[in-house]
């Protein structure tokens, strides 16, 4: 064969291979878009008497494959419950659905005093009457109940944990104690050990000004969270005057509307607001003032750290501390999403964020 013919044959093979790849990718994308999804909502018993926990499972219709590699549990953050965080019904903003369409069986759950789980008596009394509820050690027990339920229901030995914000802290906390139950860990916007945290540590509203190392217990059992406050916080992280350059203008209201629907008392106040337990604030204050609740050195599962470049809950120092302490993780990686905030899962760069997590899950 002449050199010219050989080069032409190679070029033809390359074009054919590229075309096959494009067709396969298009087929995969179409398949993901067309997948029918089933949803199952359940109330399960917590480890503590009198507490019932809400859990939701989503998967492709007809799926019968449950493995350590394809079962995921989402853990929500400090203010909003799991469903509006990870299964937002607005357009295609459900991260749960996005993962289900790519072959995963996705679970999410609400800790006690959040969302559709049991609200204890203190949540119906004036906040000042009680100390912060849903401390992290209790949320940890709720995660244990959720993981046990998933393992028992789906016959798997391990699950992948994906935690956002306080949920990232809880995912790390749980994995540091129960790595035998954890396939992989994704810590999205993790707080860890940055002791000069402006929002949660010294000088913040969480500090007792007369006793600087003590939490401000005057904050009480819970707080009221409004759409204006949540969106204001989000706006404060976007470094542009036009916030719509980062997100769909309708997303903040759609997100908060779904969150408030989980609290039957939300519309009894003006403006409407969500009750959010303050146990997370107490524990985050300790975490941000040199008193960590757990150590990443006790995690024995592959771990991904991921955050938006303008996040003000998780600082680079938090993630650097985690990377330093993850000495027993078989694999560890830290990823920063540019032009993104704490709420990147609802922003225009969310697909890049989702893809980075998916890449880690498939490794």
Protein backbone atom coordinates (compact mmCIF):
# COMPACT_ATOMS: atom_id res chain seq x y z
CA UNK A 1 0.00 0.00 0.00
CA UNK A 2 1.35 3.45 -0.92
CA UNK A 3 1.95 6.09 1.77
CA UNK A 4 -0.90 8.14 0.33
CA UNK A 5 -3.34 5.25 0.54
CA UNK A 6 -2.15 4.39 4.04
CA UNK A 7 -2.68 7.95 5.26
CA UNK A 8 -6.13 8.02 3.65
CA UNK A 9 -7.07 4.74 5.38
CA UNK A 10 -5.92 6.02 8.76
CA UNK A 11 -7.84 9.27 8.28
CA UNK A 12 -10.96 7.31 7.32
CA UNK A 13 -10.62 5.14 10.44
CA UNK A 14 -10.27 8.21 12.64
CA UNK A 15 -13.34 9.84 11.14
CA UNK A 16 -15.31 6.62 11.51
CA UNK A 17 -14.20 6.24 15.15
CA UNK A 18 -15.12 9.84 15.91
CA UNK A 19 -18.51 9.37 14.29
CA UNK A 20 -19.14 6.19 16.30
CA UNK A 21 -18.16 7.99 19.50
CA UNK A 22 -20.49 10.89 18.69
CA UNK A 23 -23.37 8.49 17.97
CA UNK A 24 -22.71 6.57 21.20
CA UNK A 25 -22.57 9.81 23.19
CA UNK A 26 -25.79 11.05 21.59
CA UNK A 27 -27.48 7.72 22.30
CA UNK A 28 -26.31 7.81 25.92
CA UNK A 29 -27.54 11.39 26.32
CA UNK A 30 -30.90 10.58 24.74
CA UNK A 31 -31.21 7.50 26.94
CA UNK A 32 -30.47 9.60 30.05
CA UNK A 33 -33.06 12.16 29.04
CA UNK A 34 -35.73 9.54 28.33
CA UNK A 35 -35.25 7.47 31.47
CA UNK A 36 -38.42 7.09 33.51
CA UNK A 37 -37.89 7.69 37.21
CA UNK A 38 -39.73 6.16 40.14
CA UNK A 39 -39.96 7.86 43.52
CA UNK A 40 -40.66 6.22 46.89
CA UNK A 41 -41.16 8.23 50.08
CA UNK A 42 -40.95 6.39 53.40
CA UNK A 43 -40.95 7.09 57.13
CA UNK A 44 -38.46 4.94 59.04
CA UNK A 45 -37.71 4.53 62.74
CA UNK A 46 -34.75 6.47 64.08
CA UNK A 47 -32.39 4.88 66.60
CA UNK A 48 -34.10 6.92 69.33
CA UNK A 49 -37.68 6.17 70.48
CA UNK A 50 -40.41 8.47 69.19
CA UNK A 51 -38.42 9.79 66.23
CA UNK A 52 -39.45 9.01 62.66
CA UNK A 53 -37.25 9.96 59.73
CA UNK A 54 -38.31 10.81 56.19
CA UNK A 55 -36.35 9.16 53.37
CA UNK A 56 -36.87 9.31 49.61
CA UNK A 57 -35.50 6.87 47.03
CA UNK A 58 -35.35 7.60 43.29
CA UNK A 59 -34.22 5.24 40.55
CA UNK A 60 -34.89 4.32 36.94
CA UNK A 61 -38.18 2.53 36.45
CA UNK A 62 -37.63 -1.23 36.41
CA UNK A 63 -34.15 -1.10 37.91
CA UNK A 64 -33.15 -4.27 39.76
CA UNK A 65 -29.41 -3.62 40.11
CA UNK A 66 -28.30 -2.49 43.57
CA UNK A 67 -24.57 -2.51 44.26
CA UNK A 68 -22.08 -0.83 46.55
CA UNK A 69 -21.07 1.29 43.56
CA UNK A 70 -24.45 2.67 42.47
CA UNK A 71 -26.28 3.54 45.72
CA UNK A 72 -25.98 7.15 46.87
CA UNK A 73 -27.27 8.93 49.99
CA UNK A 74 -27.55 12.73 49.92
CA UNK A 75 -27.11 14.57 53.25
CA UNK A 76 -28.61 18.05 53.53
CA UNK A 77 -27.20 21.16 55.15
CA UNK A 78 -27.96 23.52 58.01
CA UNK A 79 -31.20 25.18 56.96
CA UNK A 80 -33.16 23.44 54.23
CA UNK A 81 -34.24 19.77 54.20
CA UNK A 82 -33.24 17.18 51.63
CA UNK A 83 -36.01 17.37 49.04
CA UNK A 84 -35.64 21.00 48.02
CA UNK A 85 -31.85 20.73 48.21
CA UNK A 86 -31.40 17.69 46.00
CA UNK A 87 -34.72 17.09 44.22
CA UNK A 88 -35.87 20.58 43.25
CA UNK A 89 -38.89 20.34 40.95
CA UNK A 90 -38.02 23.48 38.98
CA UNK A 91 -37.15 22.67 35.33
CA UNK A 92 -34.20 20.21 35.27
CA UNK A 93 -32.63 21.31 38.55
CA UNK A 94 -33.00 18.01 40.42
CA UNK A 95 -29.49 16.70 41.09
CA UNK A 96 -31.11 13.43 42.17
CA UNK A 97 -32.77 12.97 38.77
CA UNK A 98 -29.53 13.88 36.98
CA UNK A 99 -27.73 11.05 38.80
CA UNK A 100 -30.60 8.59 38.39
CA UNK A 101 -30.50 9.12 34.62
CA UNK A 102 -26.86 8.06 34.75
CA UNK A 103 -27.56 4.77 36.48
CA UNK A 104 -27.54 5.62 40.18
CA UNK A 105 -30.04 4.71 42.88
CA UNK A 106 -30.40 7.92 44.87
CA UNK A 107 -31.58 8.33 48.43
CA UNK A 108 -32.03 11.43 50.55
CA UNK A 109 -33.31 11.94 54.09
CA UNK A 110 -34.20 14.58 56.67
CA UNK A 111 -32.60 14.65 60.11
CA UNK A 112 -34.93 15.04 63.09
CA UNK A 113 -36.61 18.46 63.30
CA UNK A 114 -36.12 19.03 59.55
CA UNK A 115 -38.47 18.65 56.61
CA UNK A 116 -40.86 15.71 56.83
CA UNK A 117 -39.17 14.04 59.81
CA UNK A 118 -40.42 14.21 63.40
CA UNK A 119 -40.32 17.63 65.02
CA UNK A 120 -39.71 17.45 68.73
CA UNK A 121 -41.67 19.41 71.32
CA UNK A 122 -38.99 22.13 71.51
CA UNK A 123 -39.69 23.08 67.90
CA UNK A 124 -43.26 24.11 68.82
CA UNK A 125 -42.24 26.09 71.88
CA UNK A 126 -40.65 29.56 71.90
CA UNK A 127 -37.06 29.18 70.69
CA UNK A 128 -35.64 30.88 73.78
CA UNK A 129 -37.16 28.22 76.05
CA UNK A 130 -34.73 25.50 74.98
CA UNK A 131 -31.11 25.03 73.99
CA UNK A 132 -30.17 24.19 70.36
CA UNK A 133 -31.82 21.05 69.01
CA UNK A 134 -30.50 18.51 66.48
CA UNK A 135 -26.89 18.62 67.60
CA UNK A 136 -24.53 16.86 65.19
CA UNK A 137 -24.19 13.76 67.37
CA UNK A 138 -27.96 13.26 67.06
CA UNK A 139 -28.01 13.92 63.30
CA UNK A 140 -25.22 11.33 63.13
CA UNK A 141 -27.57 8.79 64.72
CA UNK A 142 -30.20 9.65 62.11
CA UNK A 143 -27.69 9.07 59.31
CA UNK A 144 -26.85 5.71 60.86
CA UNK A 145 -30.54 4.78 60.79
CA UNK A 146 -30.79 5.85 57.12
CA UNK A 147 -27.69 3.90 56.07
CA UNK A 148 -28.89 0.81 57.94
CA UNK A 149 -32.28 1.06 56.22
CA UNK A 150 -30.70 1.40 52.77
CA UNK A 151 -28.33 -1.51 53.33
CA UNK A 152 -31.17 -3.70 54.57
CA UNK A 153 -33.65 -2.66 51.86
CA UNK A 154 -31.28 -2.94 48.89
CA UNK A 155 -28.97 -5.70 50.09
CA UNK A 156 -25.77 -3.69 49.79
CA UNK A 157 -22.84 -3.48 52.19
CA UNK A 158 -21.83 0.13 51.49
CA UNK A 159 -23.30 3.40 50.23
CA UNK A 160 -21.76 6.55 48.79
CA UNK A 161 -22.35 9.68 50.88
CA UNK A 162 -22.75 13.10 49.26
CA UNK A 163 -23.05 15.88 51.82
CA UNK A 164 -23.57 19.59 51.24
CA UNK A 165 -22.42 22.24 53.74
CA UNK A 166 -23.23 20.94 57.25
CA UNK A 167 -24.17 17.74 55.42
CA UNK A 168 -20.55 17.55 54.24
CA UNK A 169 -19.41 17.85 57.85
CA UNK A 170 -21.87 15.10 58.78
CA UNK A 171 -20.74 12.85 55.90
CA UNK A 172 -17.15 13.20 57.06
CA UNK A 173 -18.17 12.67 60.70
CA UNK A 174 -20.09 9.49 59.84
CA UNK A 175 -17.36 8.14 57.54
CA UNK A 176 -14.74 8.75 60.25
CA UNK A 177 -16.66 6.37 62.52
CA UNK A 178 -18.17 3.92 60.00
CA UNK A 179 -15.91 3.68 56.95
CA UNK A 180 -16.92 0.02 56.73
CA UNK A 181 -20.33 1.20 55.51
CA UNK A 182 -19.04 3.84 53.08
CA UNK A 183 -18.04 3.21 49.46
CA UNK A 184 -17.04 6.83 48.65
CA UNK A 185 -17.46 10.26 50.24
CA UNK A 186 -18.22 13.55 48.50
CA UNK A 187 -17.79 16.60 50.72
CA UNK A 188 -19.44 19.52 48.94
CA UNK A 189 -18.55 22.83 50.63
CA UNK A 190 -17.12 21.26 53.81
CA UNK A 191 -16.44 23.21 56.99
CA UNK A 192 -13.50 21.62 58.79
CA UNK A 193 -10.82 23.46 60.72
CA UNK A 194 -10.47 27.09 59.61
CA UNK A 195 -10.36 28.94 62.92
CA UNK A 196 -10.82 32.47 61.54
CA UNK A 197 -14.20 31.82 59.92
CA UNK A 198 -15.96 35.19 59.67
CA UNK A 199 -19.51 33.79 59.52
CA UNK A 200 -19.30 31.02 62.10
CA UNK A 201 -16.31 31.65 64.33
CA UNK A 202 -14.78 34.47 66.40
CA UNK A 203 -16.64 37.76 66.10
CA UNK A 204 -19.71 36.21 64.50
CA UNK A 205 -23.23 36.26 65.92
CA UNK A 206 -22.67 32.73 67.19
CA UNK A 207 -20.20 33.90 69.82
CA UNK A 208 -21.09 34.83 73.39
CA UNK A 209 -19.47 38.26 73.53
CA UNK A 210 -18.96 38.05 77.30
CA UNK A 211 -17.50 34.54 77.10
CA UNK A 212 -15.72 34.42 73.73
CA UNK A 213 -15.13 30.66 73.69
CA UNK A 214 -18.77 29.91 74.49
CA UNK A 215 -21.60 29.60 72.00
CA UNK A 216 -24.33 32.23 72.15
CA UNK A 217 -27.05 30.09 73.71
CA UNK A 218 -29.43 33.06 73.63
CA UNK A 219 -30.10 32.03 70.03
CA UNK A 220 -32.28 29.25 71.42
CA UNK A 221 -33.49 25.95 70.02
CA UNK A 222 -34.16 27.04 66.44
CA UNK A 223 -34.28 30.04 64.11
CA UNK A 224 -36.60 31.36 61.42
CA UNK A 225 -35.16 31.40 57.90
CA UNK A 226 -36.80 33.52 55.20
CA UNK A 227 -36.47 33.65 51.44
CA UNK A 228 -35.07 37.17 51.67
CA UNK A 229 -32.34 36.09 54.08
CA UNK A 230 -31.39 33.03 52.03
CA UNK A 231 -31.30 34.92 48.75
CA UNK A 232 -29.44 37.78 50.40
CA UNK A 233 -26.74 35.38 51.53
CA UNK A 234 -26.55 33.92 48.03
CA UNK A 235 -26.35 37.38 46.47
CA UNK A 236 -23.52 38.27 48.82
CA UNK A 237 -21.33 35.51 47.37
CA UNK A 238 -21.90 36.40 43.71
CA UNK A 239 -19.14 38.91 42.82
CA UNK A 240 -21.19 40.64 40.11
CA UNK A 241 -23.86 43.32 40.28
CA UNK A 242 -26.12 41.34 37.95
CA UNK A 243 -26.76 38.15 39.94
CA UNK A 244 -28.60 36.60 37.00
CA UNK A 245 -25.27 36.06 35.25
CA UNK A 246 -24.72 33.23 37.74
CA UNK A 247 -28.24 31.78 37.91
CA UNK A 248 -31.73 31.62 36.49
CA UNK A 249 -33.59 34.57 38.01
CA UNK A 250 -36.52 32.37 39.08
CA UNK A 251 -34.47 29.74 40.93
CA UNK A 252 -34.21 31.41 44.39
CA UNK A 253 -37.99 31.74 44.74
CA UNK A 254 -38.63 28.25 43.34
CA UNK A 255 -36.12 26.74 45.75
CA UNK A 256 -37.47 28.53 48.80
CA UNK A 257 -41.08 27.79 47.91
CA UNK A 258 -40.34 24.04 47.93
CA UNK A 259 -38.37 24.34 51.18
CA UNK A 260 -41.20 26.13 53.00
CA UNK A 261 -43.71 23.54 51.83
CA UNK A 262 -41.94 21.05 54.14
CA UNK A 263 -42.77 23.12 57.25
CA UNK A 264 -46.52 23.25 58.00
CA UNK A 265 -46.03 26.39 60.09
CA UNK A 266 -44.18 28.40 57.43
CA UNK A 267 -47.18 30.46 56.30
CA UNK A 268 -48.29 31.32 59.83
CA UNK A 269 -45.58 33.99 60.04
CA UNK A 270 -45.14 37.24 58.15
CA UNK A 271 -43.02 37.04 56.15
CA UNK A 272 -43.31 33.27 55.73
CA UNK A 273 -40.31 31.43 57.13
CA UNK A 274 -38.84 28.01 57.72
CA UNK A 275 -37.96 26.72 61.20
CA UNK A 276 -34.35 25.52 61.25
CA UNK A 277 -32.70 23.84 64.27
CA UNK A 278 -29.74 25.60 65.88
CA UNK A 279 -27.75 22.52 66.85
CA UNK A 280 -25.83 22.93 63.60
CA UNK A 281 -24.86 26.48 64.56
CA UNK A 282 -23.54 25.42 67.94
CA UNK A 283 -21.43 22.62 66.47
CA UNK A 284 -20.23 24.71 63.53
CA UNK A 285 -19.09 27.37 66.02
CA UNK A 286 -16.98 24.75 67.79
CA UNK A 287 -15.65 23.47 64.47
CA UNK A 288 -14.66 27.04 63.50
CA UNK A 289 -12.97 27.84 66.82
CA UNK A 290 -10.45 25.02 67.08
CA UNK A 291 -12.70 22.33 68.58
CA UNK A 292 -13.37 19.84 65.77
CA UNK A 293 -15.97 17.12 66.29
CA UNK A 294 -14.16 14.55 64.16
CA UNK A 295 -10.90 13.90 62.33
CA UNK A 296 -10.51 13.14 58.64
CA UNK A 297 -7.57 10.90 59.56
CA UNK A 298 -10.18 8.29 60.52
CA UNK A 299 -11.75 8.13 57.04
CA UNK A 300 -10.81 4.97 55.10
CA UNK A 301 -12.86 5.63 51.95
CA UNK A 302 -12.02 7.55 48.74
CA UNK A 303 -12.94 11.19 49.30
CA UNK A 304 -13.71 14.13 47.02
CA UNK A 305 -13.70 17.73 48.27
CA UNK A 306 -15.52 20.17 46.02
CA UNK A 307 -16.64 23.78 46.36
CA UNK A 308 -17.45 26.94 44.45
CA UNK A 309 -14.71 29.54 44.19
CA UNK A 310 -16.76 32.14 46.11
CA UNK A 311 -18.13 29.92 48.86
CA UNK A 312 -18.11 31.58 52.30
CA UNK A 313 -19.09 28.54 54.35
CA UNK A 314 -16.16 26.42 53.20
CA UNK A 315 -12.82 28.19 52.87
CA UNK A 316 -9.65 26.99 51.08
CA UNK A 317 -8.11 26.50 54.53
CA UNK A 318 -10.88 24.01 55.41
CA UNK A 319 -10.17 21.95 52.32
CA UNK A 320 -6.40 22.19 52.76
CA UNK A 321 -6.82 20.87 56.31
CA UNK A 322 -8.93 18.00 55.02
CA UNK A 323 -6.41 17.09 52.32
CA UNK A 324 -3.67 17.12 54.95
CA UNK A 325 -5.65 14.92 57.37
CA UNK A 326 -7.04 12.40 54.85
CA UNK A 327 -4.01 10.19 55.37
CA UNK A 328 -5.93 6.90 55.19
CA UNK A 329 -8.27 7.69 52.29
CA UNK A 330 -7.27 5.35 49.40
CA UNK A 331 -7.82 8.31 47.06
CA UNK A 332 -8.44 11.99 47.72
CA UNK A 333 -9.06 14.92 45.43
CA UNK A 334 -9.93 18.60 45.83
CA UNK A 335 -11.81 20.44 43.07
CA UNK A 336 -12.72 24.12 42.83
CA UNK A 337 -15.54 25.18 40.51
CA UNK A 338 -14.85 28.64 39.03
CA UNK A 339 -17.53 31.33 38.92
CA UNK A 340 -19.61 29.49 41.51
CA UNK A 341 -20.84 29.97 45.08
CA UNK A 342 -22.08 27.84 47.97
CA UNK A 343 -25.22 27.27 45.85
CA UNK A 344 -23.46 26.00 42.72
CA UNK A 345 -25.92 23.09 42.38
CA UNK A 346 -28.54 25.72 41.38
CA UNK A 347 -26.28 27.90 39.24
CA UNK A 348 -25.36 28.00 35.56
CA UNK A 349 -22.10 26.13 36.25
CA UNK A 350 -23.94 23.26 37.92
CA UNK A 351 -23.35 20.80 35.06
CA UNK A 352 -19.59 21.22 35.40
CA UNK A 353 -20.05 20.62 39.12
CA UNK A 354 -22.23 17.54 38.55
CA UNK A 355 -19.76 16.14 36.02
CA UNK A 356 -16.83 16.49 38.42
CA UNK A 357 -18.74 14.54 41.06
CA UNK A 358 -19.78 11.91 38.51
CA UNK A 359 -16.18 11.51 37.34
CA UNK A 360 -15.15 10.77 40.94
CA UNK A 361 -18.01 8.30 41.44
CA UNK A 362 -17.03 6.38 38.31
CA UNK A 363 -13.29 6.18 39.07
